[in-house]
Amino acid sequence: MITDYIPIFLVITVAVIFGAAVVFSSRIFGPLRPNKVKIMPYESGKDPVGTTNERISIKYYLVAMLFIVFDIEVIYVYPWAVEFKKLFNDLGILAFMPMLIFLIVLEIGFFYIWVKGGLKWD
C-alpha cells in the first residue's frame, strides 16, 4: 500500500531539492553588491510613505474580495456548466438547485462590493 505512494514522495523530494538549488544558486553564483537603494524597502516600485502602522483603505480589501468572488465563480461554475446536460438528465431539477443557492450567495457578495463602492476605480 505505501509502495504506491513512493513515486509521489519522489516527485515531491525532487521538486523541493530543485527549488532549493535554484534559490541558493543565485546566492552562490550571483554578485552580492548591496547599496543604499537596493536594501531600501519598496512598495510596488514606489518609495514607502508613512509608517507601517497606518490603516489600509477598505478599497484594497474590496478589490481582493472581488477577485475571490469571481475566481470562485469561474472555478466552480465552469466545470458545472460543462457537465450540466448530463447532470440534468440524471438528476433533473435537483442538479440545478445547489448551483442556484451558490449563485445567490455569490451575488450577495457581489452586491455587497457594489454597495461599498468596490467597482468605482477613481
N, C-alpha and C. Protein backbone atom coordinates (compact mmCIF):
# COMPACT_ATOMS: atom_id res chain seq x y z
N MET A 1 0.82 -1.20 0.00
CA MET A 1 0.00 0.00 0.00
C MET A 1 0.86 1.26 0.00
N ILE A 2 1.83 1.32 0.91
CA ILE A 2 2.69 2.50 0.97
C ILE A 2 3.59 2.59 -0.26
N THR A 3 3.86 1.46 -0.89
CA THR A 3 4.71 1.48 -2.09
C THR A 3 4.05 2.20 -3.25
N ASP A 4 2.73 2.32 -3.23
CA ASP A 4 2.03 3.06 -4.28
C ASP A 4 2.33 4.55 -4.21
N TYR A 5 2.70 5.05 -3.03
CA TYR A 5 2.95 6.47 -2.85
C TYR A 5 4.42 6.85 -3.04
N ILE A 6 5.29 5.89 -3.26
CA ILE A 6 6.72 6.19 -3.43
C ILE A 6 6.96 7.14 -4.60
N PRO A 7 6.34 6.98 -5.77
CA PRO A 7 6.57 7.95 -6.86
C PRO A 7 6.15 9.37 -6.49
N ILE A 8 5.09 9.51 -5.73
CA ILE A 8 4.65 10.84 -5.32
C ILE A 8 5.67 11.47 -4.39
N PHE A 9 6.14 10.71 -3.41
CA PHE A 9 7.16 11.24 -2.49
C PHE A 9 8.45 11.56 -3.24
N LEU A 10 8.78 10.77 -4.24
CA LEU A 10 9.98 11.02 -5.03
C LEU A 10 9.85 12.33 -5.81
N VAL A 11 8.70 12.56 -6.42
CA VAL A 11 8.49 13.80 -7.17
C VAL A 11 8.54 15.00 -6.23
N ILE A 12 7.92 14.90 -5.08
CA ILE A 12 7.95 16.00 -4.11
C ILE A 12 9.37 16.27 -3.64
N THR A 13 10.13 15.22 -3.37
CA THR A 13 11.52 15.38 -2.93
C THR A 13 12.36 16.05 -4.01
N VAL A 14 12.23 15.60 -5.25
CA VAL A 14 12.99 16.21 -6.35
C VAL A 14 12.59 17.67 -6.52
N ALA A 15 11.30 17.98 -6.41
CA ALA A 15 10.83 19.36 -6.57
C ALA A 15 11.40 20.26 -5.48
N VAL A 16 11.41 19.78 -4.24
CA VAL A 16 11.95 20.58 -3.13
C VAL A 16 13.45 20.79 -3.31
N ILE A 17 14.17 19.74 -3.68
CA ILE A 17 15.62 19.88 -3.89
C ILE A 17 15.92 20.82 -5.05
N PHE A 18 15.17 20.69 -6.14
CA PHE A 18 15.38 21.57 -7.29
C PHE A 18 15.06 23.02 -6.93
N GLY A 19 13.96 23.25 -6.23
CA GLY A 19 13.61 24.60 -5.81
C GLY A 19 14.66 25.22 -4.92
N ALA A 20 15.14 24.46 -3.95
CA ALA A 20 16.18 24.96 -3.05
C ALA A 20 17.47 25.23 -3.82
N ALA A 21 17.81 24.37 -4.78
CA ALA A 21 19.03 24.57 -5.57
C ALA A 21 18.94 25.84 -6.39
N VAL A 22 17.78 26.11 -6.99
CA VAL A 22 17.63 27.32 -7.80
C VAL A 22 17.73 28.56 -6.93
N VAL A 23 17.09 28.54 -5.77
CA VAL A 23 17.11 29.70 -4.89
C VAL A 23 18.52 29.98 -4.37
N PHE A 24 19.20 28.93 -3.93
CA PHE A 24 20.53 29.13 -3.35
C PHE A 24 21.62 29.30 -4.39
N SER A 25 21.38 28.88 -5.64
CA SER A 25 22.41 29.06 -6.66
C SER A 25 22.59 30.54 -6.99
N SER A 26 21.55 31.32 -6.92
CA SER A 26 21.71 32.76 -7.16
C SER A 26 22.54 33.40 -6.06
N ARG A 27 22.45 32.88 -4.89
CA ARG A 27 23.26 33.39 -3.77
C ARG A 27 24.73 33.02 -3.95
N ILE A 28 24.96 31.83 -4.48
CA ILE A 28 26.34 31.35 -4.65
C ILE A 28 27.00 31.99 -5.87
N PHE A 29 26.30 31.99 -7.02
CA PHE A 29 26.91 32.43 -8.27
C PHE A 29 26.68 33.89 -8.61
N GLY A 30 25.65 34.50 -8.06
CA GLY A 30 25.32 35.88 -8.40
C GLY A 30 26.15 36.88 -7.63
N PRO A 31 26.30 38.09 -8.19
CA PRO A 31 27.05 39.11 -7.47
C PRO A 31 26.25 39.63 -6.28
N LEU A 32 26.94 39.91 -5.20
CA LEU A 32 26.30 40.41 -3.99
C LEU A 32 26.90 41.78 -3.69
N ARG A 33 26.25 42.82 -4.23
CA ARG A 33 26.74 44.18 -4.06
C ARG A 33 25.61 45.05 -3.49
N PRO A 34 25.35 44.92 -2.20
CA PRO A 34 24.28 45.74 -1.62
C PRO A 34 24.68 47.22 -1.58
N ASN A 35 23.70 48.07 -1.81
CA ASN A 35 23.91 49.51 -1.63
C ASN A 35 22.66 50.10 -1.00
N LYS A 36 22.66 51.39 -0.79
CA LYS A 36 21.56 52.03 -0.07
C LYS A 36 20.22 51.85 -0.80
N VAL A 37 20.23 51.95 -2.11
CA VAL A 37 18.99 51.83 -2.88
C VAL A 37 18.48 50.39 -2.88
N LYS A 38 19.38 49.42 -3.00
CA LYS A 38 18.95 48.01 -3.06
C LYS A 38 18.38 47.50 -1.75
N ILE A 39 18.89 47.97 -0.63
CA ILE A 39 18.40 47.46 0.65
C ILE A 39 17.24 48.28 1.21
N MET A 40 16.84 49.33 0.49
CA MET A 40 15.73 50.17 0.92
C MET A 40 14.40 49.44 0.67
N PRO A 41 13.46 49.47 1.61
CA PRO A 41 12.16 48.84 1.37
C PRO A 41 11.39 49.58 0.28
N TYR A 42 10.58 48.86 -0.47
CA TYR A 42 9.78 49.48 -1.52
C TYR A 42 8.41 48.84 -1.56
N GLU A 43 7.47 49.56 -2.15
CA GLU A 43 6.11 49.08 -2.28
C GLU A 43 5.69 49.27 -3.73
N SER A 44 5.68 48.22 -4.49
CA SER A 44 5.27 48.25 -5.89
C SER A 44 6.05 49.27 -6.69
N GLY A 45 7.32 49.39 -6.44
CA GLY A 45 8.17 50.29 -7.18
C GLY A 45 8.11 51.73 -6.72
N LYS A 46 7.36 52.01 -5.68
CA LYS A 46 7.25 53.38 -5.17
C LYS A 46 7.94 53.46 -3.82
N ASP A 47 8.43 54.64 -3.49
CA ASP A 47 9.02 54.83 -2.18
C ASP A 47 7.93 54.75 -1.11
N PRO A 48 8.20 54.06 0.00
CA PRO A 48 7.19 53.96 1.05
C PRO A 48 6.94 55.31 1.69
N VAL A 49 5.66 55.56 1.98
CA VAL A 49 5.26 56.82 2.60
C VAL A 49 4.58 56.49 3.92
N GLY A 50 5.01 57.09 4.99
CA GLY A 50 4.39 56.88 6.29
C GLY A 50 4.97 55.69 7.02
N THR A 51 4.33 55.37 8.13
CA THR A 51 4.79 54.27 8.96
C THR A 51 4.08 52.97 8.57
N THR A 52 4.50 51.89 9.16
CA THR A 52 3.86 50.60 8.87
C THR A 52 2.58 50.40 9.67
N ASN A 53 2.28 51.29 10.58
CA ASN A 53 1.08 51.15 11.41
C ASN A 53 -0.13 51.87 10.83
N GLU A 54 -0.01 52.40 9.62
CA GLU A 54 -1.14 53.10 9.02
C GLU A 54 -2.21 52.11 8.59
N ARG A 55 -3.44 52.58 8.61
CA ARG A 55 -4.55 51.73 8.17
C ARG A 55 -4.59 51.71 6.64
N ILE A 56 -4.97 50.56 6.10
CA ILE A 56 -5.11 50.42 4.66
C ILE A 56 -6.56 50.69 4.30
N SER A 57 -6.75 51.34 3.18
CA SER A 57 -8.09 51.68 2.72
C SER A 57 -8.93 50.42 2.51
N ILE A 58 -10.22 50.56 2.74
CA ILE A 58 -11.15 49.44 2.56
C ILE A 58 -11.20 49.02 1.09
N LYS A 59 -10.83 49.94 0.19
CA LYS A 59 -10.83 49.62 -1.24
C LYS A 59 -9.92 48.43 -1.55
N TYR A 60 -8.80 48.36 -0.85
CA TYR A 60 -7.86 47.26 -1.06
C TYR A 60 -8.54 45.92 -0.77
N TYR A 61 -9.23 45.86 0.32
CA TYR A 61 -9.91 44.62 0.70
C TYR A 61 -11.09 44.32 -0.21
N LEU A 62 -11.77 45.34 -0.67
CA LEU A 62 -12.89 45.13 -1.58
C LEU A 62 -12.42 44.58 -2.92
N VAL A 63 -11.30 45.09 -3.41
CA VAL A 63 -10.76 44.57 -4.67
C VAL A 63 -10.34 43.11 -4.48
N ALA A 64 -9.72 42.80 -3.35
CA ALA A 64 -9.32 41.42 -3.08
C ALA A 64 -10.56 40.52 -2.99
N MET A 65 -11.61 41.01 -2.36
CA MET A 65 -12.83 40.23 -2.24
C MET A 65 -13.48 40.04 -3.61
N LEU A 66 -13.43 41.07 -4.43
CA LEU A 66 -13.97 40.98 -5.79
C LEU A 66 -13.23 39.91 -6.59
N PHE A 67 -11.92 39.89 -6.46
CA PHE A 67 -11.13 38.87 -7.14
C PHE A 67 -11.53 37.48 -6.68
N ILE A 68 -11.67 37.29 -5.39
CA ILE A 68 -12.02 35.99 -4.84
C ILE A 68 -13.41 35.56 -5.31
N VAL A 69 -14.35 36.50 -5.33
CA VAL A 69 -15.71 36.17 -5.77
C VAL A 69 -15.70 35.67 -7.21
N PHE A 70 -15.02 36.38 -8.10
CA PHE A 70 -15.01 35.96 -9.49
C PHE A 70 -14.15 34.73 -9.71
N ASP A 71 -13.11 34.58 -8.94
CA ASP A 71 -12.25 33.40 -9.05
C ASP A 71 -13.02 32.15 -8.64
N ILE A 72 -13.73 32.21 -7.54
CA ILE A 72 -14.52 31.07 -7.09
C ILE A 72 -15.64 30.78 -8.09
N GLU A 73 -16.21 31.82 -8.63
CA GLU A 73 -17.28 31.62 -9.60
C GLU A 73 -16.77 30.85 -10.81
N VAL A 74 -15.64 31.23 -11.33
CA VAL A 74 -15.10 30.56 -12.52
C VAL A 74 -14.71 29.13 -12.19
N ILE A 75 -14.06 28.93 -11.04
CA ILE A 75 -13.59 27.60 -10.68
C ILE A 75 -14.76 26.63 -10.47
N TYR A 76 -15.86 27.12 -9.95
CA TYR A 76 -16.97 26.23 -9.62
C TYR A 76 -18.02 26.15 -10.73
N VAL A 77 -18.33 27.27 -11.37
CA VAL A 77 -19.43 27.30 -12.33
C VAL A 77 -19.03 26.71 -13.68
N TYR A 78 -17.82 26.96 -14.14
CA TYR A 78 -17.43 26.49 -15.47
C TYR A 78 -17.48 24.96 -15.60
N PRO A 79 -16.84 24.20 -14.69
CA PRO A 79 -16.95 22.74 -14.82
C PRO A 79 -18.39 22.24 -14.66
N TRP A 80 -19.15 22.91 -13.81
CA TRP A 80 -20.54 22.51 -13.62
C TRP A 80 -21.33 22.74 -14.91
N ALA A 81 -21.08 23.86 -15.59
CA ALA A 81 -21.79 24.16 -16.82
C ALA A 81 -21.44 23.17 -17.93
N VAL A 82 -20.19 22.72 -17.94
CA VAL A 82 -19.78 21.74 -18.95
C VAL A 82 -20.54 20.43 -18.77
N GLU A 83 -20.77 20.04 -17.53
CA GLU A 83 -21.44 18.76 -17.24
C GLU A 83 -22.94 18.92 -16.96
N PHE A 84 -23.49 20.12 -17.17
CA PHE A 84 -24.88 20.36 -16.76
C PHE A 84 -25.87 19.46 -17.50
N LYS A 85 -25.70 19.27 -18.79
CA LYS A 85 -26.66 18.48 -19.55
C LYS A 85 -26.72 17.04 -19.02
N LYS A 86 -25.55 16.46 -18.75
CA LYS A 86 -25.51 15.11 -18.20
C LYS A 86 -26.13 15.06 -16.81
N LEU A 87 -25.80 16.07 -15.98
CA LEU A 87 -26.37 16.13 -14.63
C LEU A 87 -27.88 16.30 -14.67
N PHE A 88 -28.36 17.16 -15.57
CA PHE A 88 -29.79 17.42 -15.65
C PHE A 88 -30.54 16.17 -16.11
N ASN A 89 -29.93 15.42 -17.03
CA ASN A 89 -30.58 14.18 -17.47
C ASN A 89 -30.63 13.15 -16.35
N ASP A 90 -29.62 13.13 -15.49
CA ASP A 90 -29.58 12.15 -14.40
C ASP A 90 -30.43 12.57 -13.20
N LEU A 91 -30.33 13.85 -12.81
CA LEU A 91 -30.96 14.30 -11.56
C LEU A 91 -32.17 15.21 -11.74
N GLY A 92 -32.37 15.72 -12.91
CA GLY A 92 -33.48 16.63 -13.13
C GLY A 92 -33.21 17.99 -12.49
N ILE A 93 -34.24 18.57 -11.92
CA ILE A 93 -34.13 19.90 -11.33
C ILE A 93 -33.22 19.92 -10.11
N LEU A 94 -33.00 18.76 -9.49
CA LEU A 94 -32.10 18.70 -8.34
C LEU A 94 -30.66 19.03 -8.71
N ALA A 95 -30.31 18.92 -9.98
CA ALA A 95 -28.96 19.29 -10.43
C ALA A 95 -28.78 20.79 -10.44
N PHE A 96 -29.87 21.53 -10.54
CA PHE A 96 -29.78 22.99 -10.64
C PHE A 96 -29.87 23.68 -9.28
N MET A 97 -30.51 23.07 -8.30
CA MET A 97 -30.73 23.72 -7.00
C MET A 97 -29.44 24.09 -6.25
N PRO A 98 -28.47 23.21 -6.11
CA PRO A 98 -27.24 23.63 -5.40
C PRO A 98 -26.53 24.79 -6.10
N MET A 99 -26.54 24.78 -7.44
CA MET A 99 -25.90 25.87 -8.17
C MET A 99 -26.69 27.16 -7.99
N LEU A 100 -27.99 27.08 -7.94
CA LEU A 100 -28.80 28.27 -7.72
C LEU A 100 -28.50 28.87 -6.35
N ILE A 101 -28.40 28.05 -5.33
CA ILE A 101 -28.06 28.54 -3.99
C ILE A 101 -26.67 29.16 -3.99
N PHE A 102 -25.72 28.49 -4.64
CA PHE A 102 -24.36 29.03 -4.72
C PHE A 102 -24.34 30.39 -5.42
N LEU A 103 -25.06 30.50 -6.53
CA LEU A 103 -25.07 31.77 -7.27
C LEU A 103 -25.77 32.88 -6.48
N ILE A 104 -26.77 32.54 -5.70
CA ILE A 104 -27.43 33.55 -4.86
C ILE A 104 -26.46 34.07 -3.82
N VAL A 105 -25.73 33.18 -3.15
CA VAL A 105 -24.73 33.60 -2.16
C VAL A 105 -23.63 34.43 -2.83
N LEU A 106 -23.22 34.01 -4.02
CA LEU A 106 -22.19 34.73 -4.76
C LEU A 106 -22.67 36.13 -5.13
N GLU A 107 -23.90 36.24 -5.56
CA GLU A 107 -24.43 37.55 -5.93
C GLU A 107 -24.62 38.46 -4.71
N ILE A 108 -24.87 37.89 -3.55
CA ILE A 108 -24.92 38.70 -2.33
C ILE A 108 -23.56 39.32 -2.07
N GLY A 109 -22.50 38.55 -2.24
CA GLY A 109 -21.14 39.09 -2.10
C GLY A 109 -20.85 40.16 -3.14
N PHE A 110 -21.26 39.93 -4.37
CA PHE A 110 -21.08 40.92 -5.43
C PHE A 110 -21.87 42.19 -5.14
N PHE A 111 -23.09 42.05 -4.66
CA PHE A 111 -23.90 43.21 -4.32
C PHE A 111 -23.27 44.01 -3.19
N TYR A 112 -22.70 43.32 -2.20
CA TYR A 112 -22.02 44.00 -1.10
C TYR A 112 -20.85 44.84 -1.61
N ILE A 113 -20.07 44.27 -2.53
CA ILE A 113 -18.94 45.01 -3.10
C ILE A 113 -19.45 46.21 -3.89
N TRP A 114 -20.54 46.04 -4.60
CA TRP A 114 -21.10 47.13 -5.39
C TRP A 114 -21.59 48.26 -4.48
N VAL A 115 -22.29 47.91 -3.39
CA VAL A 115 -22.81 48.92 -2.45
C VAL A 115 -21.67 49.67 -1.77
N LYS A 116 -20.59 48.97 -1.42
CA LYS A 116 -19.46 49.59 -0.75
C LYS A 116 -18.57 50.40 -1.70
N GLY A 117 -18.86 50.38 -3.00
CA GLY A 117 -18.10 51.18 -3.95
C GLY A 117 -16.83 50.50 -4.46
N GLY A 118 -16.80 49.20 -4.40
CA GLY A 118 -15.62 48.48 -4.86
C GLY A 118 -15.44 48.49 -6.36
N LEU A 119 -16.46 48.87 -7.09
CA LEU A 119 -16.38 48.90 -8.54
C LEU A 119 -16.07 50.29 -9.08
N LYS A 120 -15.92 51.27 -8.22
CA LYS A 120 -15.54 52.62 -8.63
C LYS A 120 -14.03 52.72 -8.56
N TRP A 121 -13.38 52.94 -9.69
CA TRP A 121 -11.92 52.88 -9.75
C TRP A 121 -11.28 54.25 -9.74
N ASP A 122 -11.93 55.26 -9.22
CA ASP A 122 -11.32 56.59 -9.18
C ASP A 122 -10.53 56.84 -7.93
